[in-house]
Amino acid sequence: MQTVETLKHKYNITNDQIRQSQAVSTDYEKSGWDRGHLNPNSHHKTKESRNATYTLTNIVPMNEKLNRGNWKKYELQTMRQKAKNCQTGKTYVIVGAVPGNSSIANGRVNIPSHIWSGVCCKTKNNTLSAWAAIADNNQNRVLKITLGHLEKRLAQLYGMRKVSLFDEDCPRK
């Protein structure tokens, strides 16, 4: 991970050149939206890996109440509780955002309609466990659902016939 200042000096590029390929901090200023982590820093053990989650390529505009409320609770409490029975290093998480119909920064950064997370892990009993969550990005409510339900919902939201996040061995119910 490199900061904007490091990129500018090391590669002799400008803020405008950076803005052509990714969001920048000013895109979020006075937007009314939080910078919502897709890959949350609370899922990382080292300072370096936690800091890497603050890049704007890992951030989406998120409803302030959701980001600071029930989505945060899901990341900090529900994920920890459900992962207790998982083997160390054997929990796989996929997080995403469904593109919405509005944006900030004069159309530069899309505001997702939904934020979602799917998890599959190998348990301490050598079985597989899976769970998921999805939230409308306009309210402070997280639905805790099965992996199968999430995949069906994402297929609807993305306009696809089928979405499969993990290997078929991960339980969908």
N, C-alpha and C. Protein backbone atom coordinates (compact mmCIF):
# COMPACT_ATOMS: atom_id res chain seq x y z
N MET A 1 0.84 -1.18 0.00
CA MET A 1 0.00 0.00 0.00
C MET A 1 0.88 1.24 0.00
N GLN A 2 0.54 2.18 -0.86
CA GLN A 2 1.29 3.43 -0.89
C GLN A 2 0.31 4.59 -0.79
N THR A 3 0.72 5.64 -0.09
CA THR A 3 -0.13 6.81 0.05
C THR A 3 -0.12 7.61 -1.24
N VAL A 4 -1.10 8.49 -1.36
CA VAL A 4 -1.16 9.37 -2.53
C VAL A 4 0.12 10.19 -2.63
N GLU A 5 0.59 10.70 -1.50
CA GLU A 5 1.82 11.51 -1.51
C GLU A 5 3.01 10.70 -2.01
N THR A 6 3.12 9.44 -1.57
CA THR A 6 4.20 8.58 -2.04
C THR A 6 4.10 8.35 -3.54
N LEU A 7 2.90 8.07 -4.02
CA LEU A 7 2.70 7.86 -5.46
C LEU A 7 3.10 9.10 -6.26
N LYS A 8 2.69 10.27 -5.77
CA LYS A 8 2.99 11.51 -6.48
C LYS A 8 4.49 11.73 -6.60
N HIS A 9 5.22 11.52 -5.52
CA HIS A 9 6.65 11.79 -5.53
C HIS A 9 7.45 10.67 -6.21
N LYS A 10 7.11 9.43 -5.92
CA LYS A 10 7.87 8.31 -6.46
C LYS A 10 7.71 8.17 -7.97
N TYR A 11 6.46 8.40 -8.45
CA TYR A 11 6.20 8.20 -9.87
C TYR A 11 5.98 9.51 -10.64
N ASN A 12 6.14 10.63 -9.93
CA ASN A 12 5.99 11.94 -10.55
C ASN A 12 4.65 12.09 -11.27
N ILE A 13 3.58 11.77 -10.55
CA ILE A 13 2.24 11.93 -11.11
C ILE A 13 1.45 12.94 -10.28
N THR A 14 0.38 13.43 -10.84
CA THR A 14 -0.41 14.46 -10.19
C THR A 14 -1.67 13.88 -9.56
N ASN A 15 -2.32 14.68 -8.72
CA ASN A 15 -3.61 14.28 -8.15
C ASN A 15 -4.61 13.98 -9.25
N ASP A 16 -4.62 14.80 -10.29
CA ASP A 16 -5.57 14.58 -11.40
C ASP A 16 -5.32 13.26 -12.09
N GLN A 17 -4.06 12.86 -12.24
CA GLN A 17 -3.77 11.57 -12.86
C GLN A 17 -4.25 10.42 -11.97
N ILE A 18 -4.10 10.58 -10.67
CA ILE A 18 -4.59 9.56 -9.74
C ILE A 18 -6.11 9.50 -9.81
N ARG A 19 -6.76 10.65 -9.85
CA ARG A 19 -8.23 10.72 -9.91
C ARG A 19 -8.79 10.05 -11.15
N GLN A 20 -8.01 9.93 -12.20
CA GLN A 20 -8.49 9.30 -13.43
C GLN A 20 -8.72 7.79 -13.25
N SER A 21 -8.05 7.20 -12.27
CA SER A 21 -8.16 5.75 -12.13
C SER A 21 -8.76 5.27 -10.81
N GLN A 22 -8.96 6.18 -9.85
CA GLN A 22 -9.54 5.73 -8.58
C GLN A 22 -10.11 6.91 -7.82
N ALA A 23 -10.89 6.57 -6.81
CA ALA A 23 -11.44 7.59 -5.92
C ALA A 23 -10.32 8.23 -5.12
N VAL A 24 -10.55 9.45 -4.69
CA VAL A 24 -9.61 10.17 -3.84
C VAL A 24 -10.36 10.72 -2.63
N SER A 25 -9.64 11.13 -1.61
CA SER A 25 -10.26 11.58 -0.36
C SER A 25 -11.28 12.69 -0.58
N THR A 26 -10.98 13.63 -1.46
CA THR A 26 -11.91 14.75 -1.66
C THR A 26 -13.25 14.30 -2.23
N ASP A 27 -13.31 13.13 -2.85
CA ASP A 27 -14.58 12.63 -3.37
C ASP A 27 -15.60 12.41 -2.24
N TYR A 28 -15.12 12.13 -1.05
CA TYR A 28 -16.01 11.83 0.07
C TYR A 28 -16.34 13.06 0.92
N GLU A 29 -15.54 14.11 0.79
CA GLU A 29 -15.76 15.30 1.61
C GLU A 29 -17.13 15.91 1.32
N LYS A 30 -17.86 16.20 2.38
CA LYS A 30 -19.18 16.83 2.30
C LYS A 30 -20.17 16.03 1.45
N SER A 31 -19.94 14.73 1.30
CA SER A 31 -20.84 13.89 0.51
C SER A 31 -22.02 13.38 1.34
N GLY A 32 -21.84 13.35 2.68
CA GLY A 32 -22.88 12.78 3.53
C GLY A 32 -22.77 11.27 3.65
N TRP A 33 -21.74 10.67 3.07
CA TRP A 33 -21.56 9.21 3.11
C TRP A 33 -20.28 8.87 3.85
N ASP A 34 -20.32 7.78 4.63
CA ASP A 34 -19.13 7.26 5.30
C ASP A 34 -18.27 6.51 4.29
N ARG A 35 -17.01 6.39 4.63
CA ARG A 35 -16.12 5.52 3.87
C ARG A 35 -16.26 4.12 4.47
N GLY A 36 -17.00 3.27 3.81
CA GLY A 36 -17.27 1.93 4.33
C GLY A 36 -16.27 0.92 3.82
N HIS A 37 -15.60 0.23 4.73
CA HIS A 37 -14.64 -0.81 4.36
C HIS A 37 -15.37 -2.01 3.77
N LEU A 38 -14.84 -2.54 2.68
CA LEU A 38 -15.31 -3.84 2.20
C LEU A 38 -14.58 -4.92 2.99
N ASN A 39 -13.27 -4.90 2.97
CA ASN A 39 -12.45 -5.80 3.76
C ASN A 39 -12.16 -5.07 5.07
N PRO A 40 -12.87 -5.40 6.15
CA PRO A 40 -12.75 -4.61 7.39
C PRO A 40 -11.42 -4.78 8.10
N ASN A 41 -10.95 -3.70 8.69
CA ASN A 41 -9.66 -3.78 9.38
C ASN A 41 -9.75 -4.67 10.62
N SER A 42 -10.93 -4.83 11.17
CA SER A 42 -11.09 -5.67 12.37
C SER A 42 -10.83 -7.15 12.08
N HIS A 43 -10.76 -7.54 10.81
CA HIS A 43 -10.50 -8.94 10.47
C HIS A 43 -9.00 -9.23 10.34
N HIS A 44 -8.16 -8.24 10.64
CA HIS A 44 -6.72 -8.40 10.47
C HIS A 44 -6.00 -8.29 11.80
N LYS A 45 -4.91 -9.05 11.93
CA LYS A 45 -4.18 -9.09 13.19
C LYS A 45 -3.02 -8.11 13.26
N THR A 46 -2.35 -7.85 12.14
CA THR A 46 -1.17 -7.00 12.20
C THR A 46 -1.52 -5.56 11.84
N LYS A 47 -0.72 -4.64 12.36
CA LYS A 47 -0.94 -3.22 12.08
C LYS A 47 -0.82 -2.95 10.57
N GLU A 48 0.15 -3.57 9.94
CA GLU A 48 0.36 -3.37 8.51
C GLU A 48 -0.85 -3.83 7.69
N SER A 49 -1.39 -5.00 8.01
CA SER A 49 -2.55 -5.49 7.25
C SER A 49 -3.80 -4.67 7.56
N ARG A 50 -3.95 -4.20 8.81
CA ARG A 50 -5.08 -3.34 9.15
C ARG A 50 -4.98 -2.01 8.39
N ASN A 51 -3.78 -1.43 8.36
CA ASN A 51 -3.60 -0.17 7.65
C ASN A 51 -3.90 -0.29 6.16
N ALA A 52 -3.60 -1.45 5.59
CA ALA A 52 -3.83 -1.66 4.16
C ALA A 52 -5.32 -1.60 3.80
N THR A 53 -6.19 -1.80 4.76
CA THR A 53 -7.63 -1.76 4.47
C THR A 53 -8.15 -0.35 4.26
N TYR A 54 -7.34 0.66 4.57
CA TYR A 54 -7.78 2.05 4.45
C TYR A 54 -7.59 2.64 3.06
N THR A 55 -7.12 1.84 2.11
CA THR A 55 -6.99 2.35 0.75
C THR A 55 -8.38 2.60 0.17
N LEU A 56 -8.51 3.62 -0.66
CA LEU A 56 -9.81 3.96 -1.22
C LEU A 56 -10.29 2.94 -2.24
N THR A 57 -9.44 2.03 -2.66
CA THR A 57 -9.89 0.93 -3.52
C THR A 57 -10.60 -0.16 -2.70
N ASN A 58 -10.56 -0.05 -1.38
CA ASN A 58 -11.26 -0.97 -0.48
C ASN A 58 -12.45 -0.29 0.20
N ILE A 59 -12.82 0.86 -0.28
CA ILE A 59 -13.84 1.68 0.37
C ILE A 59 -15.00 1.94 -0.60
N VAL A 60 -16.20 1.94 -0.06
CA VAL A 60 -17.39 2.34 -0.83
C VAL A 60 -18.19 3.33 0.01
N PRO A 61 -18.95 4.21 -0.64
CA PRO A 61 -19.83 5.09 0.14
C PRO A 61 -20.88 4.24 0.87
N MET A 62 -20.91 4.38 2.20
CA MET A 62 -21.85 3.60 2.99
C MET A 62 -22.68 4.53 3.87
N ASN A 63 -23.94 4.19 4.00
CA ASN A 63 -24.84 4.91 4.89
C ASN A 63 -24.18 5.00 6.27
N GLU A 64 -24.10 6.21 6.80
CA GLU A 64 -23.41 6.44 8.07
C GLU A 64 -23.96 5.58 9.19
N LYS A 65 -25.29 5.50 9.31
CA LYS A 65 -25.88 4.72 10.40
C LYS A 65 -25.57 3.23 10.25
N LEU A 66 -25.61 2.74 9.02
CA LEU A 66 -25.29 1.33 8.77
C LEU A 66 -23.82 1.05 9.08
N ASN A 67 -22.93 1.89 8.55
CA ASN A 67 -21.50 1.68 8.72
C ASN A 67 -21.09 1.73 10.19
N ARG A 68 -21.65 2.63 10.94
CA ARG A 68 -21.28 2.80 12.35
C ARG A 68 -22.18 2.00 13.29
N GLY A 69 -23.23 1.40 12.73
CA GLY A 69 -24.21 0.68 13.54
C GLY A 69 -24.19 -0.82 13.30
N ASN A 70 -25.23 -1.31 12.64
CA ASN A 70 -25.41 -2.75 12.53
C ASN A 70 -24.40 -3.47 11.64
N TRP A 71 -23.85 -2.79 10.61
CA TRP A 71 -22.81 -3.46 9.81
C TRP A 71 -21.54 -3.62 10.66
N LYS A 72 -21.22 -2.60 11.44
CA LYS A 72 -20.06 -2.68 12.34
C LYS A 72 -20.27 -3.80 13.36
N LYS A 73 -21.48 -3.89 13.90
CA LYS A 73 -21.81 -4.94 14.86
C LYS A 73 -21.64 -6.32 14.20
N TYR A 74 -22.08 -6.43 12.95
CA TYR A 74 -21.91 -7.70 12.23
C TYR A 74 -20.42 -8.04 12.11
N GLU A 75 -19.62 -7.07 11.67
CA GLU A 75 -18.19 -7.31 11.49
C GLU A 75 -17.49 -7.67 12.80
N LEU A 76 -17.80 -6.94 13.87
CA LEU A 76 -17.09 -7.12 15.13
C LEU A 76 -17.63 -8.24 16.00
N GLN A 77 -18.94 -8.40 16.04
CA GLN A 77 -19.53 -9.37 16.96
C GLN A 77 -19.96 -10.66 16.27
N THR A 78 -20.81 -10.55 15.27
CA THR A 78 -21.36 -11.74 14.62
C THR A 78 -20.26 -12.56 13.97
N MET A 79 -19.36 -11.90 13.23
CA MET A 79 -18.27 -12.63 12.57
C MET A 79 -17.40 -13.35 13.59
N ARG A 80 -17.03 -12.68 14.65
CA ARG A 80 -16.19 -13.31 15.69
C ARG A 80 -16.91 -14.51 16.32
N GLN A 81 -18.17 -14.31 16.65
CA GLN A 81 -18.94 -15.38 17.30
C GLN A 81 -19.07 -16.59 16.37
N LYS A 82 -19.42 -16.36 15.12
CA LYS A 82 -19.62 -17.48 14.18
C LYS A 82 -18.30 -18.16 13.82
N ALA A 83 -17.20 -17.41 13.83
CA ALA A 83 -15.90 -17.97 13.44
C ALA A 83 -15.20 -18.70 14.59
N LYS A 84 -15.76 -18.67 15.78
CA LYS A 84 -15.12 -19.32 16.94
C LYS A 84 -14.84 -20.80 16.70
N ASN A 85 -15.71 -21.47 15.97
CA ASN A 85 -15.56 -22.90 15.73
C ASN A 85 -14.73 -23.20 14.48
N CYS A 86 -14.20 -22.16 13.84
CA CYS A 86 -13.41 -22.35 12.62
C CYS A 86 -11.94 -22.58 12.97
N GLN A 87 -11.28 -23.38 12.15
CA GLN A 87 -9.85 -23.58 12.32
C GLN A 87 -9.11 -22.28 12.02
N THR A 88 -8.05 -22.03 12.75
CA THR A 88 -7.23 -20.84 12.50
C THR A 88 -6.70 -20.87 11.07
N GLY A 89 -6.90 -19.77 10.38
CA GLY A 89 -6.42 -19.66 9.00
C GLY A 89 -7.27 -20.37 7.98
N LYS A 90 -8.44 -20.85 8.37
CA LYS A 90 -9.29 -21.59 7.44
C LYS A 90 -10.67 -20.95 7.29
N THR A 91 -10.74 -19.64 7.49
CA THR A 91 -11.99 -18.90 7.31
C THR A 91 -11.84 -18.01 6.09
N TYR A 92 -12.73 -18.18 5.14
CA TYR A 92 -12.67 -17.45 3.88
C TYR A 92 -13.87 -16.52 3.77
N VAL A 93 -13.60 -15.25 3.54
CA VAL A 93 -14.65 -14.23 3.52
C VAL A 93 -14.61 -13.51 2.19
N ILE A 94 -15.77 -13.36 1.57
CA ILE A 94 -15.92 -12.55 0.37
C ILE A 94 -16.92 -11.45 0.69
N VAL A 95 -16.53 -10.22 0.47
CA VAL A 95 -17.40 -9.07 0.74
C VAL A 95 -17.56 -8.28 -0.54
N GLY A 96 -18.74 -7.75 -0.75
CA GLY A 96 -18.96 -6.97 -1.97
C GLY A 96 -20.01 -5.91 -1.81
N ALA A 97 -20.18 -5.18 -2.90
CA ALA A 97 -21.16 -4.09 -2.95
C ALA A 97 -21.87 -4.17 -4.30
N VAL A 98 -23.18 -4.05 -4.27
CA VAL A 98 -23.97 -4.05 -5.50
C VAL A 98 -24.08 -2.62 -6.00
N PRO A 99 -23.66 -2.35 -7.23
CA PRO A 99 -23.75 -0.97 -7.73
C PRO A 99 -25.17 -0.43 -7.64
N GLY A 100 -25.27 0.83 -7.24
CA GLY A 100 -26.57 1.48 -7.12
C GLY A 100 -26.83 2.43 -8.28
N ASN A 101 -27.85 3.23 -8.14
CA ASN A 101 -28.27 4.15 -9.20
C ASN A 101 -27.88 5.59 -8.94
N SER A 102 -27.03 5.83 -7.95
CA SER A 102 -26.60 7.21 -7.66
C SER A 102 -25.11 7.21 -7.36
N SER A 103 -24.57 8.41 -7.25
CA SER A 103 -23.13 8.52 -7.05
C SER A 103 -22.80 9.80 -6.30
N ILE A 104 -21.54 9.89 -5.90
CA ILE A 104 -21.00 11.11 -5.29
C ILE A 104 -19.89 11.62 -6.21
N ALA A 105 -19.39 12.79 -5.90
CA ALA A 105 -18.25 13.38 -6.62
C ALA A 105 -18.55 13.53 -8.11
N ASN A 106 -19.72 14.10 -8.41
CA ASN A 106 -20.09 14.34 -9.81
C ASN A 106 -20.02 13.09 -10.66
N GLY A 107 -20.53 11.98 -10.11
CA GLY A 107 -20.60 10.73 -10.85
C GLY A 107 -19.34 9.88 -10.82
N ARG A 108 -18.33 10.30 -10.09
CA ARG A 108 -17.07 9.56 -10.06
C ARG A 108 -17.13 8.28 -9.23
N VAL A 109 -17.92 8.29 -8.15
CA VAL A 109 -17.94 7.16 -7.22
C VAL A 109 -19.38 6.69 -7.03
N ASN A 110 -19.65 5.45 -7.43
CA ASN A 110 -20.98 4.88 -7.32
C ASN A 110 -21.33 4.61 -5.86
N ILE A 111 -22.59 4.88 -5.51
CA ILE A 111 -23.10 4.54 -4.17
C ILE A 111 -23.80 3.19 -4.28
N PRO A 112 -23.28 2.16 -3.63
CA PRO A 112 -23.88 0.82 -3.73
C PRO A 112 -25.30 0.79 -3.16
N SER A 113 -26.12 -0.05 -3.77
CA SER A 113 -27.47 -0.25 -3.23
C SER A 113 -27.44 -1.22 -2.05
N HIS A 114 -26.51 -2.15 -2.06
CA HIS A 114 -26.39 -3.18 -1.02
C HIS A 114 -24.92 -3.46 -0.72
N ILE A 115 -24.68 -3.87 0.52
CA ILE A 115 -23.38 -4.36 0.98
C ILE A 115 -23.62 -5.80 1.41
N TRP A 116 -22.70 -6.70 1.09
CA TRP A 116 -22.90 -8.11 1.44
C TRP A 116 -21.61 -8.80 1.86
N SER A 117 -21.76 -9.92 2.54
CA SER A 117 -20.62 -10.72 3.00
C SER A 117 -21.01 -12.18 3.00
N GLY A 118 -20.14 -13.02 2.45
CA GLY A 118 -20.33 -14.47 2.48
C GLY A 118 -19.10 -15.12 3.09
N VAL A 119 -19.31 -16.15 3.90
CA VAL A 119 -18.22 -16.79 4.63
C VAL A 119 -18.34 -18.30 4.52
N CYS A 120 -17.18 -18.95 4.36
CA CYS A 120 -17.11 -20.40 4.42
C CYS A 120 -15.85 -20.73 5.22
N CYS A 121 -15.97 -21.67 6.16
CA CYS A 121 -14.79 -22.04 6.95
C CYS A 121 -14.76 -23.53 7.20
N LYS A 122 -13.55 -24.00 7.46
CA LYS A 122 -13.35 -25.37 7.90
C LYS A 122 -13.38 -25.36 9.41
N THR A 123 -14.26 -26.15 9.99
CA THR A 123 -14.42 -26.14 11.45
C THR A 123 -13.36 -26.99 12.13
N LYS A 124 -13.32 -26.86 13.44
CA LYS A 124 -12.38 -27.64 14.23
C LYS A 124 -12.69 -29.14 14.16
N ASN A 125 -13.92 -29.49 13.72
CA ASN A 125 -14.32 -30.89 13.54
C ASN A 125 -14.09 -31.36 12.11
N ASN A 126 -13.39 -30.55 11.30
CA ASN A 126 -13.11 -30.84 9.89
C ASN A 126 -14.36 -30.91 9.02
N THR A 127 -15.39 -30.19 9.41
CA THR A 127 -16.56 -30.03 8.55
C THR A 127 -16.51 -28.60 8.00
N LEU A 128 -17.43 -28.29 7.12
CA LEU A 128 -17.50 -26.94 6.58
C LEU A 128 -18.72 -26.22 7.14
N SER A 129 -18.55 -24.95 7.41
CA SER A 129 -19.63 -24.11 7.92
C SER A 129 -19.68 -22.86 7.05
N ALA A 130 -20.88 -22.32 6.85
CA ALA A 130 -21.01 -21.11 6.03
C ALA A 130 -22.13 -20.24 6.58
N TRP A 131 -21.99 -18.94 6.35
CA TRP A 131 -23.02 -17.98 6.72
C TRP A 131 -22.86 -16.75 5.85
N ALA A 132 -23.83 -15.85 5.94
CA ALA A 132 -23.80 -14.67 5.08
C ALA A 132 -24.63 -13.55 5.69
N ALA A 133 -24.46 -12.37 5.11
CA ALA A 133 -25.25 -11.20 5.52
C ALA A 133 -25.37 -10.26 4.32
N ILE A 134 -26.46 -9.50 4.32
CA ILE A 134 -26.67 -8.49 3.30
C ILE A 134 -27.41 -7.32 3.94
N ALA A 135 -27.12 -6.12 3.44
CA ALA A 135 -27.77 -4.93 3.99
C ALA A 135 -28.10 -3.96 2.86
N ASP A 136 -29.30 -3.39 2.90
CA ASP A 136 -29.63 -2.26 2.04
C ASP A 136 -28.79 -1.09 2.51
N ASN A 137 -28.19 -0.38 1.58
CA ASN A 137 -27.30 0.71 1.95
C ASN A 137 -28.06 1.99 2.28
N ASN A 138 -29.35 1.89 2.48
CA ASN A 138 -30.12 3.09 2.85
C ASN A 138 -30.80 2.93 4.20
N GLN A 139 -30.40 1.90 4.94
CA GLN A 139 -30.98 1.70 6.28
C GLN A 139 -29.99 0.98 7.17
N ASN A 140 -30.23 1.03 8.46
CA ASN A 140 -29.34 0.42 9.44
C ASN A 140 -29.86 -0.95 9.85
N ARG A 141 -29.92 -1.86 8.86
CA ARG A 141 -30.43 -3.20 9.13
C ARG A 141 -29.61 -4.22 8.35
N VAL A 142 -29.12 -5.24 9.03
CA VAL A 142 -28.34 -6.30 8.40
C VAL A 142 -29.14 -7.59 8.52
N LEU A 143 -29.36 -8.23 7.37
CA LEU A 143 -30.03 -9.53 7.37
C LEU A 143 -28.98 -10.62 7.43
N LYS A 144 -29.03 -11.44 8.47
CA LYS A 144 -28.12 -12.58 8.60
C LYS A 144 -28.83 -13.76 7.94
N ILE A 145 -28.23 -14.27 6.87
CA ILE A 145 -28.89 -15.28 6.05
C ILE A 145 -27.94 -16.43 5.74
N THR A 146 -28.45 -17.45 5.09
CA THR A 146 -27.60 -18.56 4.66
C THR A 146 -26.80 -18.15 3.43
N LEU A 147 -25.74 -18.87 3.17
CA LEU A 147 -24.95 -18.62 1.97
C LEU A 147 -25.80 -18.82 0.72
N GLY A 148 -26.64 -19.84 0.72
CA GLY A 148 -27.51 -20.09 -0.43
C GLY A 148 -28.48 -18.95 -0.69
N HIS A 149 -29.04 -18.40 0.38
CA HIS A 149 -29.96 -17.27 0.24
C HIS A 149 -29.23 -16.05 -0.31
N LEU A 150 -28.01 -15.80 0.17
CA LEU A 150 -27.22 -14.68 -0.34
C LEU A 150 -26.96 -14.85 -1.83
N GLU A 151 -26.54 -16.04 -2.24
CA GLU A 151 -26.24 -16.26 -3.65
C GLU A 151 -27.48 -16.04 -4.52
N LYS A 152 -28.64 -16.49 -4.06
CA LYS A 152 -29.88 -16.26 -4.83
C LYS A 152 -30.21 -14.77 -4.89
N ARG A 153 -30.05 -14.07 -3.78
CA ARG A 153 -30.33 -12.63 -3.75
C ARG A 153 -29.37 -11.87 -4.65
N LEU A 154 -28.09 -12.24 -4.63
CA LEU A 154 -27.11 -11.56 -5.48
C LEU A 154 -27.41 -11.82 -6.96
N ALA A 155 -27.84 -13.03 -7.29
CA ALA A 155 -28.20 -13.33 -8.68
C ALA A 155 -29.32 -12.39 -9.13
N GLN A 156 -30.31 -12.16 -8.26
CA GLN A 156 -31.39 -11.21 -8.58
C GLN A 156 -30.84 -9.79 -8.75
N LEU A 157 -30.06 -9.36 -7.77
CA LEU A 157 -29.56 -7.98 -7.77
C LEU A 157 -28.61 -7.70 -8.94
N TYR A 158 -27.80 -8.68 -9.32
CA TYR A 158 -26.86 -8.51 -10.42
C TYR A 158 -27.47 -8.88 -11.78
N GLY A 159 -28.71 -9.39 -11.78
CA GLY A 159 -29.36 -9.77 -13.02
C GLY A 159 -28.71 -10.98 -13.68
N MET A 160 -28.32 -11.95 -12.86
CA MET A 160 -27.65 -13.15 -13.37
C MET A 160 -28.51 -14.38 -13.08
N ARG A 161 -28.26 -15.45 -13.82
CA ARG A 161 -28.99 -16.69 -13.55
C ARG A 161 -28.53 -17.33 -12.26
N LYS A 162 -27.22 -17.28 -12.01
CA LYS A 162 -26.67 -17.97 -10.84
C LYS A 162 -25.43 -17.23 -10.35
N VAL A 163 -25.28 -17.19 -9.04
CA VAL A 163 -24.07 -16.68 -8.40
C VAL A 163 -23.58 -17.77 -7.47
N SER A 164 -22.30 -18.10 -7.57
CA SER A 164 -21.68 -19.09 -6.69
C SER A 164 -20.42 -18.47 -6.11
N LEU A 165 -20.43 -18.21 -4.82
CA LEU A 165 -19.30 -17.53 -4.18
C LEU A 165 -18.19 -18.48 -3.76
N PHE A 166 -18.55 -19.70 -3.39
CA PHE A 166 -17.56 -20.66 -2.90
C PHE A 166 -17.74 -22.01 -3.58
N ASP A 167 -16.79 -22.89 -3.35
CA ASP A 167 -16.86 -24.25 -3.85
C ASP A 167 -18.18 -24.90 -3.43
N GLU A 168 -18.62 -25.83 -4.23
CA GLU A 168 -19.92 -26.47 -3.95
C GLU A 168 -19.97 -27.20 -2.62
N ASP A 169 -18.81 -27.52 -2.03
CA ASP A 169 -18.79 -28.21 -0.74
C ASP A 169 -19.26 -27.34 0.42
N CYS A 170 -19.17 -26.02 0.27
CA CYS A 170 -19.64 -25.13 1.35
C CYS A 170 -21.15 -25.23 1.45
N PRO A 171 -21.66 -25.42 2.67
CA PRO A 171 -23.11 -25.59 2.84
C PRO A 171 -23.88 -24.34 2.46
N ARG A 172 -24.99 -24.54 1.75
CA ARG A 172 -25.82 -23.41 1.31
C ARG A 172 -27.02 -23.18 2.22
N LYS A 173 -27.32 -24.12 3.12
CA LYS A 173 -28.48 -24.01 4.00
C LYS A 173 -28.10 -23.57 5.38
